[in-house]
C-alpha atoms as a PDB file:
ATOM      1  CA  UNK A   1      20.548  -9.136   7.807  1.00  0.00           C
ATOM      2  CA  UNK A   2      18.826 -11.926   9.700  1.00  0.00           C
ATOM      3  CA  UNK A   3      15.238 -12.068  10.673  1.00  0.00           C
ATOM      4  CA  UNK A   4      15.669 -10.799  14.254  1.00  0.00           C
ATOM      5  CA  UNK A   5      17.771  -7.844  13.012  1.00  0.00           C
ATOM      6  CA  UNK A   6      15.014  -7.009  10.457  1.00  0.00           C
ATOM      7  CA  UNK A   7      12.419  -7.184  13.223  1.00  0.00           C
ATOM      8  CA  UNK A   8      14.496  -5.013  15.579  1.00  0.00           C
ATOM      9  CA  UNK A   9      15.846  -2.472  13.097  1.00  0.00           C
ATOM     10  CA  UNK A  10      13.584  -2.239  10.102  1.00  0.00           C
ATOM     11  CA  UNK A  11      10.088  -2.928  11.435  1.00  0.00           C
ATOM     12  CA  UNK A  12      10.060   0.049  13.879  1.00  0.00           C
ATOM     13  CA  UNK A  13      11.089   2.332  11.009  1.00  0.00           C
ATOM     14  CA  UNK A  14       8.331   0.914   8.846  1.00  0.00           C
ATOM     15  CA  UNK A  15       5.784   1.507  11.622  1.00  0.00           C
ATOM     16  CA  UNK A  16       6.964   5.168  12.185  1.00  0.00           C
ATOM     17  CA  UNK A  17       6.954   5.746   8.390  1.00  0.00           C
ATOM     18  CA  UNK A  18       3.440   4.322   8.206  1.00  0.00           C
ATOM     19  CA  UNK A  19       2.186   6.419  11.142  1.00  0.00           C
ATOM     20  CA  UNK A  20       3.727   9.555   9.617  1.00  0.00           C
ATOM     21  CA  UNK A  21       1.757   9.025   6.395  1.00  0.00           C
ATOM     22  CA  UNK A  22      -1.386   8.424   8.478  1.00  0.00           C
ATOM     23  CA  UNK A  23      -0.960  11.918   9.913  1.00  0.00           C
ATOM     24  CA  UNK A  24      -0.850  13.301   6.365  1.00  0.00           C
ATOM     25  CA  UNK A  25      -3.726  11.181   4.955  1.00  0.00           C
ATOM     26  CA  UNK A  26      -6.021  11.241   8.041  1.00  0.00           C
ATOM     27  CA  UNK A  27      -8.352   8.476   6.843  1.00  0.00           C
ATOM     28  CA  UNK A  28     -11.605   7.702   8.637  1.00  0.00           C
ATOM     29  CA  UNK A  29     -11.491   4.592  10.779  1.00  0.00           C
ATOM     30  CA  UNK A  30     -13.508   2.476   8.277  1.00  0.00           C
ATOM     31  CA  UNK A  31     -11.033   3.369   5.467  1.00  0.00           C
ATOM     32  CA  UNK A  32      -7.993   2.665   7.659  1.00  0.00           C
ATOM     33  CA  UNK A  33      -9.322  -0.719   8.709  1.00  0.00           C
ATOM     34  CA  UNK A  34     -10.196  -1.554   5.090  1.00  0.00           C
ATOM     35  CA  UNK A  35      -6.702  -0.623   3.956  1.00  0.00           C
ATOM     36  CA  UNK A  36      -5.171  -2.834   6.706  1.00  0.00           C
ATOM     37  CA  UNK A  37      -7.502  -5.661   5.685  1.00  0.00           C
ATOM     38  CA  UNK A  38      -6.332  -5.275   2.063  1.00  0.00           C
ATOM     39  CA  UNK A  39      -2.701  -5.269   3.282  1.00  0.00           C
ATOM     40  CA  UNK A  40      -3.348  -8.445   5.266  1.00  0.00           C
ATOM     41  CA  UNK A  41      -4.790 -10.136   2.150  1.00  0.00           C
ATOM     42  CA  UNK A  42      -1.724  -9.078   0.154  1.00  0.00           C
ATOM     43  CA  UNK A  43       0.676 -10.350   2.849  1.00  0.00           C
ATOM     44  CA  UNK A  44      -1.117 -13.676   3.191  1.00  0.00           C
ATOM     45  CA  UNK A  45      -1.110 -14.294  -0.556  1.00  0.00           C
ATOM     46  CA  UNK A  46       2.620 -13.453  -0.603  1.00  0.00           C
ATOM     47  CA  UNK A  47       3.221 -15.820   2.358  1.00  0.00           C
ATOM     48  CA  UNK A  48       1.242 -18.651   0.777  1.00  0.00           C
ATOM     49  CA  UNK A  49       3.071 -18.340  -2.548  1.00  0.00           C
ATOM     50  CA  UNK A  50       6.441 -18.265  -0.793  1.00  0.00           C
ATOM     51  CA  UNK A  51       5.493 -21.402   1.080  1.00  0.00           C
ATOM     52  CA  UNK A  52       4.291 -23.141  -2.113  1.00  0.00           C
ATOM     53  CA  UNK A  53       7.459 -22.011  -3.867  1.00  0.00           C
ATOM     54  CA  UNK A  54       9.574 -23.675  -1.126  1.00  0.00           C
ATOM     55  CA  UNK A  55       7.789 -27.037  -1.483  1.00  0.00           C
ATOM     56  CA  UNK A  56       7.655 -26.795  -5.326  1.00  0.00           C
ATOM     57  CA  UNK A  57      11.391 -25.945  -5.404  1.00  0.00           C
ATOM     58  CA  UNK A  58      10.951 -22.638  -7.299  1.00  0.00           C
ATOM     59  CA  UNK A  59      12.826 -20.617  -4.610  1.00  0.00           C
ATOM     60  CA  UNK A  60      13.711 -20.704  -0.950  1.00  0.00           C
ATOM     61  CA  UNK A  61      15.057 -18.276   1.638  1.00  0.00           C
ATOM     62  CA  UNK A  62      18.658 -18.636   2.855  1.00  0.00           C
ATOM     63  CA  UNK A  63      18.229 -16.791   6.165  1.00  0.00           C
ATOM     64  CA  UNK A  64      18.480 -18.291   9.623  1.00  0.00           C
ATOM     65  CA  UNK A  65      15.641 -18.148  12.134  1.00  0.00           C
ATOM     66  CA  UNK A  66      12.953 -19.011   9.580  1.00  0.00           C
ATOM     67  CA  UNK A  67       9.567 -20.244  10.768  1.00  0.00           C
ATOM     68  CA  UNK A  68       8.031 -22.833   8.425  1.00  0.00           C
ATOM     69  CA  UNK A  69      10.839 -21.940   5.981  1.00  0.00           C
ATOM     70  CA  UNK A  70       9.568 -18.330   5.840  1.00  0.00           C
ATOM     71  CA  UNK A  71      10.852 -14.999   7.251  1.00  0.00           C
ATOM     72  CA  UNK A  72       7.598 -14.016   8.869  1.00  0.00           C
ATOM     73  CA  UNK A  73       8.630 -10.375   9.796  1.00  0.00           C
ATOM     74  CA  UNK A  74       9.296  -9.718   6.105  1.00  0.00           C
ATOM     75  CA  UNK A  75       5.585  -9.842   5.418  1.00  0.00           C
ATOM     76  CA  UNK A  76       5.041  -6.673   7.418  1.00  0.00           C
ATOM     77  CA  UNK A  77       6.348  -4.655   4.378  1.00  0.00           C
ATOM     78  CA  UNK A  78       3.642  -5.912   2.021  1.00  0.00           C
ATOM     79  CA  UNK A  79       1.015  -5.457   4.762  1.00  0.00           C
ATOM     80  CA  UNK A  80       1.887  -1.863   5.749  1.00  0.00           C
ATOM     81  CA  UNK A  81       3.789  -0.229   2.881  1.00  0.00           C
ATOM     82  CA  UNK A  82       2.952  -1.966  -0.388  1.00  0.00           C
ATOM     83  CA  UNK A  83      -0.559  -2.806   0.795  1.00  0.00           C
ATOM     84  CA  UNK A  84      -2.217  -0.533   3.322  1.00  0.00           C
ATOM     85  CA  UNK A  85      -0.241   2.655   2.672  1.00  0.00           C
ATOM     86  CA  UNK A  86      -0.447   2.332  -1.137  1.00  0.00           C
ATOM     87  CA  UNK A  87      -4.223   1.761  -0.908  1.00  0.00           C
ATOM     88  CA  UNK A  88      -4.622   4.780   1.376  1.00  0.00           C
ATOM     89  CA  UNK A  89      -2.646   6.994  -0.984  1.00  0.00           C
ATOM     90  CA  UNK A  90      -4.733   5.796  -3.935  1.00  0.00           C
ATOM     91  CA  UNK A  91      -7.947   6.519  -1.964  1.00  0.00           C
ATOM     92  CA  UNK A  92      -6.703   9.940  -0.822  1.00  0.00           C
ATOM     93  CA  UNK A  93      -5.873  11.223  -4.279  1.00  0.00           C
ATOM     94  CA  UNK A  94      -8.635   9.457  -6.225  1.00  0.00           C
ATOM     95  CA  UNK A  95     -11.282  12.152  -5.620  1.00  0.00           C
ATOM     96  CA  UNK A  96      -9.583  15.215  -7.076  1.00  0.00           C
ATOM     97  CA  UNK A  97      -7.193  16.868  -9.504  1.00  0.00           C
ATOM     98  CA  UNK A  98      -4.447  14.473  -8.585  1.00  0.00           C
ATOM     99  CA  UNK A  99      -6.233  11.317  -9.682  1.00  0.00           C
ATOM    100  CA  UNK A 100      -3.283  10.689 -12.073  1.00  0.00           C
ATOM    101  CA  UNK A 101      -1.220   9.946  -8.957  1.00  0.00           C
ATOM    102  CA  UNK A 102      -3.642   7.278  -7.838  1.00  0.00           C
ATOM    103  CA  UNK A 103      -3.654   5.708 -11.248  1.00  0.00           C
ATOM    104  CA  UNK A 104       0.175   5.716 -11.378  1.00  0.00           C
ATOM    105  CA  UNK A 105       0.294   4.043  -7.957  1.00  0.00           C
ATOM    106  CA  UNK A 106      -2.037   1.308  -9.228  1.00  0.00           C
ATOM    107  CA  UNK A 107       0.587   0.499 -11.839  1.00  0.00           C
ATOM    108  CA  UNK A 108       3.814   1.436 -10.089  1.00  0.00           C
ATOM    109  CA  UNK A 109       3.447  -0.506  -6.819  1.00  0.00           C
ATOM    110  CA  UNK A 110       3.025  -4.006  -8.342  1.00  0.00           C
ATOM    111  CA  UNK A 111       5.554  -3.255 -11.073  1.00  0.00           C
ATOM    112  CA  UNK A 112       8.119  -2.131  -8.478  1.00  0.00           C
ATOM    113  CA  UNK A 113       7.524  -5.258  -6.424  1.00  0.00           C
ATOM    114  CA  UNK A 114       7.821  -7.486  -9.432  1.00  0.00           C
ATOM    115  CA  UNK A 115      11.082  -5.915 -10.682  1.00  0.00           C
ATOM    116  CA  UNK A 116      12.549  -5.955  -7.170  1.00  0.00           C
ATOM    117  CA  UNK A 117      11.869  -9.625  -6.626  1.00  0.00           C
ATOM    118  CA  UNK A 118      12.858 -10.759 -10.140  1.00  0.00           C
ATOM    119  CA  UNK A 119      16.134  -8.782 -10.084  1.00  0.00           C
ATOM    120  CA  UNK A 120      16.910 -10.109  -6.593  1.00  0.00           C
ATOM    121  CA  UNK A 121      16.205 -13.670  -7.635  1.00  0.00           C
ATOM    122  CA  UNK A 122      18.075 -13.644 -10.960  1.00  0.00           C
ATOM    123  CA  UNK A 123      21.057 -11.657  -9.692  1.00  0.00           C
ATOM    124  CA  UNK A 124      21.115 -13.519  -6.344  1.00  0.00           C
ATOM    125  CA  UNK A 125      21.215 -10.228  -4.497  1.00  0.00           C
ATOM    126  CA  UNK A 126      18.229 -10.953  -2.194  1.00  0.00           C
ATOM    127  CA  UNK A 127      17.627 -13.490   0.511  1.00  0.00           C
ATOM    128  CA  UNK A 128      16.038 -15.926  -1.945  1.00  0.00           C
ATOM    129  CA  UNK A 129      17.746 -18.540  -4.035  1.00  0.00           C
ATOM    130  CA  UNK A 130      15.831 -19.279  -7.167  1.00  0.00           C
ATOM    131  CA  UNK A 131      15.966 -22.940  -8.128  1.00  0.00           C
ATOM    132  CA  UNK A 132      13.879 -22.629 -11.311  1.00  0.00           C
ATOM    133  CA  UNK A 133      14.241 -19.143 -12.745  1.00  0.00           C
ATOM    134  CA  UNK A 134      11.663 -19.415 -15.514  1.00  0.00           C
ATOM    135  CA  UNK A 135       8.860 -20.702 -13.301  1.00  0.00           C
ATOM    136  CA  UNK A 136       9.901 -18.397 -10.429  1.00  0.00           C
ATOM    137  CA  UNK A 137       9.660 -15.345 -12.759  1.00  0.00           C
ATOM    138  CA  UNK A 138       6.201 -16.236 -13.912  1.00  0.00           C
ATOM    139  CA  UNK A 139       5.001 -17.052 -10.358  1.00  0.00           C
ATOM    140  CA  UNK A 140       6.456 -13.802  -9.037  1.00  0.00           C
ATOM    141  CA  UNK A 141       4.674 -11.717 -11.669  1.00  0.00           C
ATOM    142  CA  UNK A 142       1.372 -13.557 -11.066  1.00  0.00           C
ATOM    143  CA  UNK A 143       1.770 -13.384  -7.270  1.00  0.00           C
ATOM    144  CA  UNK A 144       2.287  -9.640  -7.104  1.00  0.00           C
ATOM    145  CA  UNK A 145      -0.541  -8.858  -9.582  1.00  0.00           C
ATOM    146  CA  UNK A 146      -2.992 -11.104  -7.788  1.00  0.00           C
ATOM    147  CA  UNK A 147      -1.925 -10.119  -4.261  1.00  0.00           C
ATOM    148  CA  UNK A 148      -1.952  -6.365  -4.960  1.00  0.00           C
ATOM    149  CA  UNK A 149      -5.221  -6.250  -6.862  1.00  0.00           C
ATOM    150  CA  UNK A 150      -7.024  -8.749  -4.569  1.00  0.00           C
ATOM    151  CA  UNK A 151      -6.149  -6.553  -1.627  1.00  0.00           C
ATOM    152  CA  UNK A 152      -7.109  -3.419  -3.551  1.00  0.00           C
ATOM    153  CA  UNK A 153     -10.383  -4.932  -4.644  1.00  0.00           C
ATOM    154  CA  UNK A 154     -11.390  -5.740  -1.069  1.00  0.00           C
ATOM    155  CA  UNK A 155     -10.226  -2.332   0.120  1.00  0.00           C
ATOM    156  CA  UNK A 156     -12.029  -0.480  -2.653  1.00  0.00           C
ATOM    157  CA  UNK A 157     -15.311  -2.305  -2.090  1.00  0.00           C
ATOM    158  CA  UNK A 158     -15.325  -0.873   1.473  1.00  0.00           C
ATOM    159  CA  UNK A 159     -13.643   2.535   0.966  1.00  0.00           C
ATOM    160  CA  UNK A 160     -14.737   3.788  -2.462  1.00  0.00           C
ATOM    161  CA  UNK A 161     -17.950   5.328  -1.185  1.00  0.00           C
ATOM    162  CA  UNK A 162     -16.187   7.309   1.487  1.00  0.00           C
ATOM    163  CA  UNK A 163     -14.501  10.437   0.040  1.00  0.00           C
ATOM    164  CA  UNK A 164     -11.586  11.920   1.920  1.00  0.00           C
ATOM    165  CA  UNK A 165     -12.421  15.008   3.973  1.00  0.00           C
ATOM    166  CA  UNK A 166     -11.147  18.272   2.562  1.00  0.00           C
ATOM    167  CA  UNK A 167      -8.355  19.848   4.573  1.00  0.00           C
ATOM    168  CA  UNK A 168      -9.318  22.714   6.773  1.00  0.00           C
ATOM    169  CA  UNK A 169      -6.679  24.930   5.172  1.00  0.00           C
ATOM    170  CA  UNK A 170      -8.424  24.441   1.806  1.00  0.00           C
ATOM    171  CA  UNK A 171     -11.995  24.522   3.054  1.00  0.00           C
ATOM    172  CA  UNK A 172     -11.790  27.647   5.296  1.00  0.00           C
ATOM    173  CA  UNK A 173     -10.710  30.058   2.561  1.00  0.00           C
ATOM    174  CA  UNK A 174     -13.597  28.743   0.381  1.00  0.00           C
ATOM    175  CA  UNK A 175     -16.078  29.258   3.158  1.00  0.00           C
ATOM    176  CA  UNK A 176     -14.813  32.790   3.786  1.00  0.00           C
ATOM    177  CA  UNK A 177     -15.053  33.607   0.031  1.00  0.00           C
ATOM    178  CA  UNK A 178     -18.551  32.158  -0.100  1.00  0.00           C
ATOM    179  CA  UNK A 179     -19.665  34.114   2.970  1.00  0.00           C
ATOM    180  CA  UNK A 180     -18.230  37.356   1.569  1.00  0.00           C
ATOM    181  CA  UNK A 181     -19.999  36.873  -1.687  1.00  0.00           C
ATOM    182  CA  UNK A 182     -23.270  36.059   0.093  1.00  0.00           C
ATOM    183  CA  UNK A 183     -22.883  39.201   2.241  1.00  0.00           C
ATOM    184  CA  UNK A 184     -22.186  41.233  -0.831  1.00  0.00           C
ATOM    185  CA  UNK A 185     -25.320  39.858  -2.530  1.00  0.00           C
ATOM    186  CA  UNK A 186     -27.375  40.665   0.577  1.00  0.00           C
ATOM    187  CA  UNK A 187     -26.055  44.231   0.637  1.00  0.00           C
ATOM    188  CA  UNK A 188     -26.840  44.641  -3.036  1.00  0.00           C
ATOM    189  CA  UNK A 189     -30.351  43.244  -2.570  1.00  0.00           C
ATOM    190  CA  UNK A 190     -31.067  45.553   0.357  1.00  0.00           C
ATOM    191  CA  UNK A 191     -29.728  48.530  -1.547  1.00  0.00           C
ATOM    192  CA  UNK A 192     -32.249  47.944  -4.342  1.00  0.00           C
END
């Protein structure tokens, strides 16, 4: 798949996928912007390392239509999915019983990206040709760890103090139960 085909076929699906998750997560504007900022940091680090890898002869892309030897639309995935969406999911589930899911995402997302890139580079199944496998492996591991956690650090500095709102379906039964117990207490107090 060439860069234009990726831009025409994959990017719209990524955007719809991202927007669908936004409907589920419903983050406040400040949290959404912080997650996008973290995703931008992640994408920029990925882009800069790919550019350095080209000039250092660690790996290069074999696609046509590259700009500065880089497939620029490919960086939308780290920005939206592996950056912003992962950060939003971590934030959404951090403040509750499902904190284990947030912690597993903190480990699983960078590990998945590392394994995907290393297997693609070693087995030559991706769009990269690795020229120096040993260095490329170390650089890939370092790149994904630094990119993911730098973006997360920036995101978390902004969003950690903003807890997600509780869904109306969960909150309304609690309110009804609390009101009924208060009414029952009032009736009991008046009866005495």
